[in-house]
Amino acid sequence: MIRRAEELVAAGLVAPGRLDEMRGVAEKFAVALTDEMAALIDPSDPKDPIAAQFVPSGKELESAKDEVADPIGEERFSPLPGIVHRHRDRVLLKPILLCPVYCRFCFRREAIAKEGAVLGRADRERAFAYIREHSEIWEVIVTGGDPFLLSPRRLGEIVRTLDGIAHVEVIRFHTRVPLADPSRVNAALVRALGSEKALYVVIHANHPRELTRSAQEAAGRLIRAGIPLLSQTVLLRGVNDDAAVLEALFRKLTAMRIKPYYLHHADLAPGTHHFRTGIEEGRRLVRRLRAEVSGLCQPTYVLDIPGGYGKVPIAPSQIERDERGWVVEDGCGHRHLYPADPAEDAG
């Protein structure tokens, strides 16, 4: 496990002349890189997509004018530690704010790896009490940080507690562990996730090289236990802003029985401007994928509106209305007329 600037240099991932740059970034934002991820980096490639995600860059100390510490407005929807209740029927439960790897584009980078990063017992009980008291909560999304860094015993306590709340019908875990530290997905962890409710695991993957044999085996252990797997991906300049890379990633995930779920437009987190593509660029990539790749491989391209107003789909529409009815564009760019419902015109 690499956690310090000096260790990046010792591992040959960063040239010695960049040590001061690495130290400057590490003073502000957490650094961690597992052996599994470090082994995927080609130090001779200055544009290596794995290094871009996890090895610090001095660009992180340069904030663009629109970047903010809480880009998706979670703080104003957090009634108590560990809970974010932004949507009526679901909450985030954040029992830990530590990760096996720290993504250089993380939208929670101002909050993770700080003092009190693990929610204490009293705060956990208050969080569970909040969920019990709000009968409108249908789904609990356990995130962080990375909840799979918790011990199997602690994970099991969370699952059993949520199992015992009648109005909670769906439990969802968000994690990078199956890719970043796959040996953690052992029999004890899988048993801890055993639930009487619908329980899903959403894996964060941004590049096909992350889907190593060990990662596939870790995912397979969850799948064989009957746990459905989904994936989320962040669209990142210099990592996956290429239709062929996204296609390879989504095809491989689907073949692993992991359903691509979200393709996130990168958030306005401090020091992440060099990762963001334009929305029109993202739309072009999504349009190309839609034309060439199976529907099973298609995630929803979304933007989390700054300020806490929720995720919205931002993929291009391939249908528009004119005086003749609806005009639909196929995957090859050809346009076709589809009749409007007479009731639409009557209204």
Protein backbone atom coordinates (compact mmCIF):
# COMPACT_ATOMS: atom_id res chain seq x y z
CA MET A 1 0.00 0.00 0.00
CA ILE A 2 1.38 3.40 -1.03
CA ARG A 3 0.30 6.33 1.13
CA ARG A 4 3.14 8.87 0.99
CA ALA A 5 4.80 10.95 -1.69
CA GLU A 6 8.16 9.31 -0.94
CA GLU A 7 6.63 5.88 -1.54
CA LEU A 8 5.42 6.94 -4.99
CA VAL A 9 9.00 7.82 -5.88
CA ALA A 10 10.40 4.63 -4.33
CA ALA A 11 7.94 2.54 -6.35
CA GLY A 12 9.12 4.17 -9.56
CA LEU A 13 5.71 5.71 -10.23
CA VAL A 14 6.94 9.29 -9.97
CA ALA A 15 10.29 10.80 -10.97
CA PRO A 16 12.39 12.00 -8.00
CA GLY A 17 12.26 15.55 -9.37
CA ARG A 18 8.51 15.61 -8.73
CA LEU A 19 8.77 14.76 -5.02
CA ASP A 20 8.07 18.30 -3.83
CA GLU A 21 5.06 18.49 -6.15
CA MET A 22 3.73 15.22 -4.71
CA ARG A 23 4.27 16.42 -1.15
CA GLY A 24 2.38 19.63 -1.86
CA VAL A 25 -0.65 17.76 -3.16
CA ALA A 26 -0.53 15.16 -0.37
CA GLU A 27 -0.66 17.93 2.25
CA LYS A 28 -4.08 18.95 0.91
CA PHE A 29 -5.63 15.78 -0.47
CA ALA A 30 -5.32 12.18 0.71
CA VAL A 31 -3.11 9.76 -1.23
CA ALA A 32 -3.44 5.97 -1.28
CA LEU A 33 -2.74 3.39 -3.92
CA THR A 34 -3.03 -0.37 -3.44
CA ASP A 35 -0.43 -2.79 -4.76
CA GLU A 36 -3.09 -4.15 -7.14
CA MET A 37 -3.63 -0.76 -8.79
CA ALA A 38 0.06 0.23 -8.69
CA ALA A 39 0.92 -2.92 -10.63
CA LEU A 40 -1.31 -1.78 -13.51
CA ILE A 41 0.60 1.47 -14.06
CA ASP A 42 3.15 1.77 -16.85
CA PRO A 43 5.68 4.29 -15.42
CA SER A 44 7.11 4.86 -18.91
CA ASP A 45 3.78 6.16 -20.20
CA PRO A 46 3.20 9.81 -19.18
CA LYS A 47 -0.46 9.39 -20.19
CA ASP A 48 -1.10 6.13 -18.36
CA PRO A 49 -4.87 6.07 -17.55
CA ILE A 50 -4.44 4.25 -14.24
CA ALA A 51 -1.74 6.65 -13.04
CA ALA A 52 -3.96 9.57 -14.05
CA GLN A 53 -6.65 8.34 -11.65
CA PHE A 54 -4.50 7.69 -8.59
CA VAL A 55 -1.08 9.37 -8.80
CA PRO A 56 -1.24 13.01 -7.59
CA SER A 57 -0.62 15.91 -9.95
CA GLY A 58 0.30 19.50 -9.17
CA LYS A 59 -2.76 20.50 -11.25
CA GLU A 60 -4.87 19.51 -8.23
CA LEU A 61 -3.67 22.64 -6.44
CA GLU A 62 -5.16 24.84 -9.18
CA SER A 63 -8.89 25.35 -8.68
CA ALA A 64 -11.15 26.63 -11.44
CA LYS A 65 -13.56 29.42 -10.56
CA ASP A 66 -16.69 27.20 -10.54
CA GLU A 67 -15.18 24.44 -8.38
CA VAL A 68 -16.48 24.09 -4.82
CA ALA A 69 -15.74 21.93 -1.79
CA ASP A 70 -19.20 20.33 -1.80
CA PRO A 71 -20.04 20.21 -5.50
CA ILE A 72 -23.26 18.20 -5.24
CA GLY A 73 -24.59 19.98 -2.15
CA GLU A 74 -24.60 17.06 0.30
CA GLU A 75 -23.94 19.17 3.38
CA ARG A 76 -27.30 20.93 3.33
CA PHE A 77 -29.09 17.56 3.14
CA SER A 78 -27.17 16.00 6.03
CA PRO A 79 -29.38 16.19 9.14
CA LEU A 80 -26.80 14.32 11.26
CA PRO A 81 -23.38 12.67 10.86
CA GLY A 82 -23.35 9.78 8.40
CA ILE A 83 -26.70 10.57 6.76
CA VAL A 84 -27.51 12.43 3.53
CA HIS A 85 -31.24 12.62 2.79
CA ARG A 86 -31.48 14.42 -0.52
CA HIS A 87 -34.26 12.34 -2.10
CA ARG A 88 -37.54 11.50 -0.39
CA ASP A 89 -37.38 7.71 -0.69
CA ARG A 90 -33.67 7.05 -0.17
CA VAL A 91 -30.73 8.07 1.97
CA LEU A 92 -26.99 7.77 1.90
CA LEU A 93 -25.45 6.07 4.92
CA LYS A 94 -21.73 6.89 5.22
CA PRO A 95 -20.21 4.73 7.97
CA ILE A 96 -16.62 5.33 6.82
CA LEU A 97 -14.76 8.06 4.95
CA LEU A 98 -11.65 6.05 4.10
CA CYS A 99 -10.84 4.37 0.78
CA PRO A 100 -8.38 1.73 -0.48
CA VAL A 101 -7.39 4.17 -3.23
CA TYR A 102 -8.02 7.90 -3.44
CA CYS A 103 -9.29 9.00 -6.82
CA ARG A 104 -7.74 12.30 -7.86
CA PHE A 105 -11.14 13.49 -9.16
CA CYS A 106 -13.23 12.55 -6.09
CA PHE A 107 -16.18 14.85 -5.38
CA ARG A 108 -15.80 14.15 -1.63
CA ARG A 109 -12.06 14.81 -1.59
CA GLU A 110 -12.45 17.63 0.95
CA ALA A 111 -14.13 15.26 3.44
CA ILE A 112 -12.37 11.90 3.16
CA ALA A 113 -9.49 10.63 5.30
CA LYS A 114 -9.99 13.28 7.99
CA GLU A 115 -10.17 12.88 11.75
CA GLY A 116 -13.24 10.88 12.76
CA ALA A 117 -13.36 9.12 9.38
CA VAL A 118 -15.12 6.09 10.89
CA LEU A 119 -18.58 6.78 12.27
CA GLY A 120 -18.61 6.03 16.01
CA ARG A 121 -21.16 3.78 17.67
CA ALA A 122 -23.29 6.62 19.03
CA ASP A 123 -23.45 8.30 15.61
CA ARG A 124 -24.22 4.98 13.92
CA GLU A 125 -27.13 4.42 16.29
CA ARG A 126 -28.43 7.93 15.62
CA ALA A 127 -28.17 7.29 11.88
CA PHE A 128 -30.11 4.03 12.17
CA ALA A 129 -32.70 5.74 14.38
CA TYR A 130 -33.16 8.40 11.70
CA ILE A 131 -33.80 5.70 9.08
CA ARG A 132 -36.30 3.95 11.41
CA GLU A 133 -38.15 7.21 12.06
CA HIS A 134 -38.57 8.08 8.37
CA SER A 135 -40.96 5.54 6.91
CA GLU A 136 -40.63 7.07 3.45
CA ILE A 137 -37.09 5.66 3.16
CA TRP A 138 -37.32 2.73 0.75
CA GLU A 139 -33.62 2.41 -0.12
CA VAL A 140 -30.40 2.87 1.86
CA ILE A 141 -27.21 3.48 -0.12
CA VAL A 142 -24.17 2.55 1.97
CA THR A 143 -21.23 4.56 0.69
CA GLY A 144 -18.35 6.65 1.97
CA GLY A 145 -15.40 6.42 1.59
CA ASP A 146 -15.62 2.73 0.86
CA PRO A 147 -17.80 0.60 3.14
CA PHE A 148 -15.98 -2.58 2.08
CA LEU A 149 -13.02 -1.38 4.15
CA LEU A 150 -15.11 -2.12 7.24
CA SER A 151 -14.63 -5.50 8.87
CA PRO A 152 -17.07 -8.24 7.87
CA ARG A 153 -18.45 -8.07 11.42
CA ARG A 154 -19.24 -4.36 11.06
CA LEU A 155 -20.68 -4.85 7.57
CA GLY A 156 -22.86 -7.66 8.89
CA GLU A 157 -24.16 -5.39 11.67
CA ILE A 158 -25.18 -2.78 9.09
CA VAL A 159 -26.96 -5.33 6.91
CA ARG A 160 -28.77 -6.97 9.83
CA THR A 161 -29.86 -3.60 11.22
CA LEU A 162 -31.26 -2.50 7.86
CA ASP A 163 -32.87 -5.92 7.42
CA GLY A 164 -34.77 -5.23 10.63
CA ILE A 165 -36.31 -1.96 9.41
CA ALA A 166 -39.56 -2.95 7.71
CA HIS A 167 -39.93 0.00 5.34
CA VAL A 168 -36.38 -0.36 3.94
CA GLU A 169 -36.73 -2.70 0.99
CA VAL A 170 -33.47 -2.14 -0.92
CA ILE A 171 -29.86 -1.94 0.33
CA ARG A 172 -27.12 -0.74 -1.97
CA PHE A 173 -23.34 -0.73 -1.37
CA HIS A 174 -20.96 1.45 -3.42
CA THR A 175 -17.36 0.26 -3.53
CA ARG A 176 -14.05 0.16 -5.40
CA VAL A 177 -12.65 -2.70 -3.31
CA PRO A 178 -13.36 -5.57 -5.74
CA LEU A 179 -11.03 -3.88 -8.25
CA ALA A 180 -8.61 -2.00 -6.00
CA ASP A 181 -8.13 -4.65 -3.29
CA PRO A 182 -9.91 -7.81 -4.49
CA SER A 183 -8.53 -10.10 -1.79
CA ARG A 184 -10.79 -8.29 0.70
CA VAL A 185 -13.80 -9.81 -1.05
CA ASN A 186 -13.42 -13.05 0.86
CA ALA A 187 -15.92 -15.56 2.18
CA ALA A 188 -16.47 -13.59 5.40
CA LEU A 189 -17.28 -10.38 3.56
CA VAL A 190 -19.65 -12.17 1.19
CA ARG A 191 -21.44 -13.83 4.13
CA ALA A 192 -21.77 -10.43 5.83
CA LEU A 193 -23.79 -9.18 2.86
CA GLY A 194 -26.37 -11.94 3.21
CA SER A 195 -29.72 -10.17 3.40
CA GLU A 196 -33.42 -10.94 3.35
CA LYS A 197 -33.86 -7.73 1.37
CA ALA A 198 -32.81 -6.86 -2.16
CA LEU A 199 -29.10 -6.05 -1.81
CA TYR A 200 -27.04 -4.63 -4.68
CA VAL A 201 -23.34 -3.83 -5.01
CA VAL A 202 -22.25 -0.99 -7.32
CA ILE A 203 -18.62 -1.16 -8.40
CA HIS A 204 -16.69 1.93 -9.55
CA ALA A 205 -14.65 1.18 -12.70
CA ASN A 206 -13.27 3.70 -15.20
CA HIS A 207 -10.94 1.79 -17.51
CA PRO A 208 -10.94 -1.78 -18.88
CA ARG A 209 -7.44 -2.41 -17.49
CA GLU A 210 -8.92 -2.24 -13.99
CA LEU A 211 -10.89 -5.43 -14.69
CA THR A 212 -8.04 -7.80 -13.87
CA ARG A 213 -8.40 -11.53 -13.34
CA SER A 214 -8.34 -10.94 -9.57
CA ALA A 215 -11.10 -8.35 -9.93
CA GLN A 216 -13.16 -10.74 -12.02
CA GLU A 217 -12.74 -13.45 -9.38
CA ALA A 218 -13.80 -11.04 -6.61
CA ALA A 219 -16.89 -10.03 -8.58
CA GLY A 220 -17.62 -13.68 -9.25
CA ARG A 221 -17.66 -14.47 -5.52
CA LEU A 222 -20.36 -11.83 -5.01
CA ILE A 223 -22.36 -12.95 -8.03
CA ARG A 224 -22.31 -16.62 -7.02
CA ALA A 225 -23.73 -15.54 -3.65
CA GLY A 226 -26.72 -14.13 -5.51
CA ILE A 227 -25.76 -10.46 -5.19
CA PRO A 228 -26.55 -8.40 -8.32
CA LEU A 229 -23.69 -6.16 -9.45
CA LEU A 230 -23.93 -2.80 -11.19
CA SER A 231 -21.17 -0.40 -12.17
CA GLN A 232 -20.63 3.33 -12.20
CA THR A 233 -18.05 5.16 -14.27
CA VAL A 234 -16.85 8.77 -14.28
CA LEU A 235 -16.15 10.28 -17.68
CA LEU A 236 -12.56 11.52 -17.38
CA ARG A 237 -10.34 13.36 -19.80
CA GLY A 238 -7.16 11.39 -20.39
CA VAL A 239 -8.64 8.21 -18.91
CA ASN A 240 -11.73 7.13 -20.83
CA ASP A 241 -12.81 10.04 -23.05
CA ASP A 242 -12.62 7.74 -26.06
CA ALA A 243 -15.47 5.68 -27.49
CA ALA A 244 -13.29 2.59 -27.99
CA VAL A 245 -12.14 2.66 -24.34
CA LEU A 246 -15.69 3.08 -23.04
CA GLU A 247 -16.92 0.34 -25.34
CA ALA A 248 -14.24 -2.07 -24.12
CA LEU A 249 -15.03 -1.20 -20.50
CA PHE A 250 -18.80 -1.64 -20.79
CA ARG A 251 -18.54 -4.82 -22.88
CA LYS A 252 -16.15 -6.38 -20.38
CA LEU A 253 -18.30 -5.38 -17.39
CA THR A 254 -21.39 -6.83 -19.05
CA ALA A 255 -19.57 -10.07 -19.86
CA MET A 256 -18.64 -10.23 -16.15
CA ARG A 257 -22.39 -9.99 -15.35
CA ILE A 258 -22.01 -6.43 -14.07
CA LYS A 259 -24.64 -4.10 -15.51
CA PRO A 260 -23.29 -0.64 -16.47
CA TYR A 261 -25.50 1.71 -14.46
CA TYR A 262 -24.23 5.31 -14.48
CA LEU A 263 -21.73 7.23 -16.59
CA HIS A 264 -21.16 10.35 -14.50
CA HIS A 265 -20.15 13.69 -15.93
CA ALA A 266 -17.24 14.72 -13.68
CA ASP A 267 -18.22 16.97 -10.77
CA LEU A 268 -16.93 20.46 -9.98
CA ALA A 269 -14.65 19.33 -7.15
CA PRO A 270 -11.62 21.49 -6.29
CA GLY A 271 -8.54 20.87 -8.42
CA THR A 272 -10.24 18.53 -10.89
CA HIS A 273 -10.69 20.82 -13.89
CA HIS A 274 -8.12 18.87 -15.94
CA PHE A 275 -10.32 15.76 -15.77
CA ARG A 276 -13.56 17.27 -17.01
CA THR A 277 -14.75 16.94 -20.57
CA GLY A 278 -17.37 19.20 -22.10
CA ILE A 279 -20.96 17.97 -21.97
CA GLU A 280 -21.23 18.08 -25.77
CA GLU A 281 -18.11 15.90 -25.98
CA GLY A 282 -19.70 13.43 -23.58
CA ARG A 283 -22.88 13.41 -25.64
CA ARG A 284 -20.94 12.57 -28.79
CA LEU A 285 -19.33 9.62 -27.04
CA VAL A 286 -22.68 8.37 -25.72
CA ARG A 287 -24.30 8.74 -29.16
CA ARG A 288 -21.56 6.63 -30.71
CA LEU A 289 -21.93 3.95 -28.04
CA ARG A 290 -25.69 3.89 -28.53
CA ALA A 291 -25.19 3.29 -32.26
CA GLU A 292 -22.64 0.52 -31.95
CA VAL A 293 -22.99 -1.34 -28.65
CA SER A 294 -25.65 -3.64 -27.18
CA GLY A 295 -28.27 -2.04 -24.97
CA LEU A 296 -27.06 -4.26 -22.14
CA CYS A 297 -23.80 -2.28 -22.17
CA GLN A 298 -25.39 1.18 -21.99
CA PRO A 299 -25.17 3.17 -18.74
CA THR A 300 -27.20 6.34 -18.22
CA TYR A 301 -25.09 9.45 -18.80
CA VAL A 302 -25.89 11.77 -15.89
CA LEU A 303 -24.98 15.13 -14.41
CA ASP A 304 -25.31 15.69 -10.68
CA ILE A 305 -26.61 19.26 -10.65
CA PRO A 306 -24.39 21.47 -8.47
CA GLY A 307 -26.03 22.56 -5.25
CA GLY A 308 -27.85 19.32 -4.44
CA TYR A 309 -30.62 19.22 -7.04
CA GLY A 310 -30.03 15.61 -8.02
CA LYS A 311 -28.84 13.57 -10.99
CA VAL A 312 -30.41 14.11 -14.40
CA PRO A 313 -29.84 12.25 -17.69
CA ILE A 314 -27.95 14.42 -20.16
CA ALA A 315 -27.54 12.08 -23.15
CA PRO A 316 -28.56 13.59 -26.50
CA SER A 317 -32.17 13.10 -27.53
CA GLN A 318 -32.69 11.36 -30.85
CA ILE A 319 -36.26 12.49 -31.29
CA GLU A 320 -37.81 15.91 -31.90
CA ARG A 321 -41.19 17.26 -32.91
CA ASP A 322 -42.00 19.21 -36.06
CA GLU A 323 -45.17 20.03 -37.99
CA ARG A 324 -45.28 16.54 -39.50
CA GLY A 325 -45.05 14.61 -36.22
CA TRP A 326 -42.00 13.12 -34.50
CA VAL A 327 -38.66 12.96 -36.28
CA VAL A 328 -36.41 10.14 -35.01
CA GLU A 329 -32.72 9.77 -35.78
CA ASP A 330 -31.30 6.24 -35.99
CA GLY A 331 -27.81 5.12 -35.03
CA CYS A 332 -26.45 5.92 -38.48
CA GLY A 333 -27.76 9.49 -38.41
CA HIS A 334 -30.69 8.85 -40.75
CA ARG A 335 -33.93 10.61 -39.85
CA HIS A 336 -37.34 8.95 -39.87
CA LEU A 337 -40.87 10.24 -39.41
CA TYR A 338 -43.03 8.79 -36.63
CA PRO A 339 -46.71 9.86 -36.40
CA ALA A 340 -47.86 12.00 -33.51
CA ASP A 341 -50.77 10.75 -31.43
CA PRO A 342 -53.89 12.69 -32.49
CA ALA A 343 -54.59 13.35 -28.81
CA GLU A 344 -51.30 15.27 -28.56
CA ASP A 345 -52.43 17.68 -31.25
CA ALA A 346 -55.92 17.89 -29.82
CA GLY A 347 -54.48 18.93 -26.46
